[in-house]
Protein backbone atom coordinates (compact mmCIF):
# COMPACT_ATOMS: atom_id res chain seq x y z
CA MET A 1 62.49 -16.77 16.73
CA HIS A 2 60.81 -20.20 17.26
CA GLY A 3 59.24 -18.96 20.44
CA PHE A 4 57.83 -15.91 18.70
CA ILE A 5 56.30 -18.08 15.98
CA ARG A 6 54.68 -20.41 18.56
CA TYR A 7 53.41 -17.36 20.49
CA SER A 8 51.91 -15.80 17.32
CA PHE A 9 50.30 -19.07 16.37
CA THR A 10 48.71 -19.29 19.89
CA ILE A 11 47.26 -15.80 19.59
CA VAL A 12 45.88 -16.57 16.16
CA ALA A 13 44.43 -19.98 17.22
CA ALA A 14 42.84 -18.32 20.23
CA SER A 15 41.24 -15.61 18.12
CA CYS A 16 39.81 -18.22 15.79
CA LEU A 17 38.37 -20.19 18.73
CA VAL A 18 36.74 -17.08 20.12
CA ALA A 19 35.14 -16.25 16.77
CA PHE A 20 34.00 -19.79 16.34
CA ALA A 21 32.48 -19.89 19.83
CA SER A 22 30.72 -16.62 19.23
CA GLU A 23 29.16 -17.85 16.03
CA ARG A 24 28.15 -21.22 17.55
CA ALA A 25 26.49 -19.16 20.35
CA GLY A 26 24.26 -17.41 17.86
CA GLY A 27 26.19 -14.20 17.45
CA THR A 28 28.83 -12.90 15.06
CA SER A 29 31.67 -10.65 15.65
CA ALA A 30 31.22 -7.09 14.53
CA ALA A 31 34.40 -7.25 12.54
CA ALA A 32 33.25 -10.29 10.53
CA GLU A 33 29.76 -8.75 9.92
CA SER A 34 31.20 -5.40 8.96
CA ALA A 35 33.71 -7.12 6.59
CA ALA A 36 30.67 -8.80 4.98
CA GLY A 37 28.74 -5.57 4.72
CA GLU A 38 26.11 -6.94 7.07
CA PRO A 39 24.77 -5.51 10.29
CA SER A 40 26.89 -5.30 13.46
CA GLN A 41 24.08 -4.39 15.84
CA ALA A 42 23.62 -6.84 18.65
CA SER A 43 19.87 -6.19 19.26
CA TYR A 44 18.84 -9.11 17.05
CA GLU A 45 20.32 -12.22 15.72
CA ALA A 46 22.08 -11.13 12.56
CA PRO A 47 22.67 -14.65 11.17
CA LYS A 48 19.02 -15.57 11.66
CA ALA A 49 17.82 -12.34 10.23
CA ARG A 50 20.24 -12.75 7.20
CA ASP A 51 18.85 -16.21 6.67
CA LEU A 52 15.23 -15.02 6.84
CA TYR A 53 15.99 -12.25 4.38
CA ILE A 54 17.68 -14.68 1.97
CA ALA A 55 14.76 -17.08 2.22
CA HIS A 56 12.03 -14.60 1.83
CA CYS A 57 13.33 -11.39 0.14
CA SER A 58 16.58 -11.89 -1.72
CA ALA A 59 14.97 -13.46 -4.88
CA CYS A 60 13.42 -10.10 -5.66
CA HIS A 61 15.53 -7.48 -3.84
CA GLN A 62 18.72 -9.39 -4.28
CA ARG A 63 21.30 -10.43 -1.60
CA ASN A 64 22.92 -7.11 -2.03
CA GLY A 65 19.73 -5.04 -1.70
CA ASP A 66 19.98 -3.68 -5.24
CA GLY A 67 16.60 -4.91 -6.40
CA LEU A 68 15.96 -5.43 -10.14
CA THR A 69 15.56 -2.29 -12.18
CA GLY A 70 11.98 -1.68 -13.10
CA VAL A 71 10.75 -4.88 -11.44
CA PHE A 72 11.63 -4.79 -7.69
CA PRO A 73 12.84 -1.68 -5.98
CA PRO A 74 16.19 -1.45 -4.16
CA LEU A 75 16.44 -1.62 -0.44
CA LYS A 76 19.94 -0.25 -0.37
CA GLY A 77 19.56 3.48 0.22
CA SER A 78 15.65 3.27 0.32
CA ALA A 79 13.96 6.20 2.01
CA VAL A 80 11.43 3.87 3.57
CA VAL A 81 14.10 1.61 4.98
CA ASN A 82 16.13 4.48 6.31
CA ARG A 83 13.21 6.49 7.76
CA ASP A 84 13.24 6.91 11.51
CA ASP A 85 9.51 5.94 11.72
CA ALA A 86 9.42 2.32 10.58
CA ALA A 87 5.64 2.06 10.26
CA LYS A 88 5.54 2.17 6.45
CA HIS A 89 8.41 -0.37 6.30
CA ILE A 90 6.57 -2.69 8.72
CA ASP A 91 3.24 -2.28 6.75
CA LEU A 92 4.91 -3.10 3.37
CA VAL A 93 6.48 -6.36 4.81
CA LEU A 94 3.16 -7.35 6.48
CA ASN A 95 0.71 -6.46 3.66
CA GLY A 96 2.81 -6.45 0.53
CA MET A 97 2.44 -4.01 -2.44
CA GLN A 98 2.26 -3.85 -6.10
CA GLY A 99 3.21 -1.08 -8.59
CA ALA A 100 5.39 0.84 -6.13
CA ARG A 101 6.78 4.20 -7.24
CA VAL A 102 10.33 4.86 -5.86
CA SER A 103 12.20 7.91 -6.90
CA GLY A 104 9.93 8.41 -9.92
CA VAL A 105 10.33 4.75 -11.07
CA ILE A 106 7.28 2.47 -11.07
CA TYR A 107 8.22 -1.05 -10.15
CA ALA A 108 5.92 -3.65 -11.78
CA GLY A 109 6.69 -6.58 -9.54
CA ALA A 110 4.24 -7.55 -6.74
CA MET A 111 5.56 -7.98 -3.13
CA PRO A 112 3.50 -10.68 -1.44
CA PRO A 113 2.22 -10.00 2.12
CA PHE A 114 4.09 -11.84 4.91
CA ALA A 115 1.52 -11.35 7.66
CA GLY A 116 0.19 -14.77 7.23
CA THR A 117 3.44 -16.66 6.91
CA LEU A 118 5.83 -14.95 9.25
CA ASN A 119 5.54 -14.14 12.95
CA ASP A 120 6.17 -10.75 14.49
CA ALA A 121 9.80 -11.57 15.65
CA ASP A 122 10.76 -12.96 12.15
CA ILE A 123 9.38 -9.86 10.49
CA ALA A 124 11.21 -7.61 12.98
CA ASP A 125 14.39 -9.48 12.30
CA ILE A 126 14.00 -9.08 8.49
CA ILE A 127 13.31 -5.46 8.80
CA ASN A 128 16.29 -4.89 11.07
CA TYR A 129 18.53 -6.77 8.76
CA GLU A 130 17.31 -4.53 5.91
CA ARG A 131 17.72 -1.35 8.09
CA ARG A 132 21.29 -2.23 9.11
CA SER A 133 22.64 -3.65 5.88
CA TRP A 134 24.25 -2.20 2.68
CA GLY A 135 24.91 1.18 4.48
CA ASN A 136 21.33 1.74 5.52
CA HIS A 137 20.85 3.40 8.89
CA GLY A 138 17.13 3.03 9.86
CA GLN A 139 16.21 2.66 13.49
CA PRO A 140 15.67 -0.96 14.59
CA VAL A 141 12.18 -2.14 15.24
CA THR A 142 10.79 -4.65 17.79
CA ALA A 143 8.33 -7.57 17.49
CA ALA A 144 5.93 -5.46 19.57
CA GLN A 145 6.04 -2.72 16.89
CA VAL A 146 5.27 -5.24 14.25
CA ALA A 147 2.32 -6.65 16.32
CA ALA A 148 0.99 -3.09 16.69
CA GLU A 149 1.04 -2.52 12.97
CA ARG A 150 -0.36 -5.93 12.41
CA ALA A 151 -3.38 -5.03 14.69
CA LYS A 152 -4.28 -1.79 12.63
CA PRO A 153 -7.22 -2.19 10.37
CA GLN A 154 -6.47 -2.31 6.67
């Protein structure tokens, strides 16, 4: 019995060390992210993307992506966020918007443009976080796609 307990403790300790080392290296385990309702895709740094989203977007769209009724639209389940073609999503983050109509509801809040404050990689990370969180399923974007949208005339 004592050997079994020591063996079980060793397995648990090793699992914790692997998870800790993964987080220290800049990644998180898919199980940990799925449990938190956050992205499990490895094509971008989910913790960095989450932090960027929290710093720049969550005050309006909330940490859970639900938005604020009548003021800021939800990102959870959003057609723009889940669309395969991410051009509109990228444009909104780059250039902002006011008076959005979503599913027949007009949202009065203004979204500021982030083109002047965030680089292409940070914007791509935020967009990918939004496209992979809260049950969303939009295709991921690259910094190159953001740069191409940024270069288009307004």
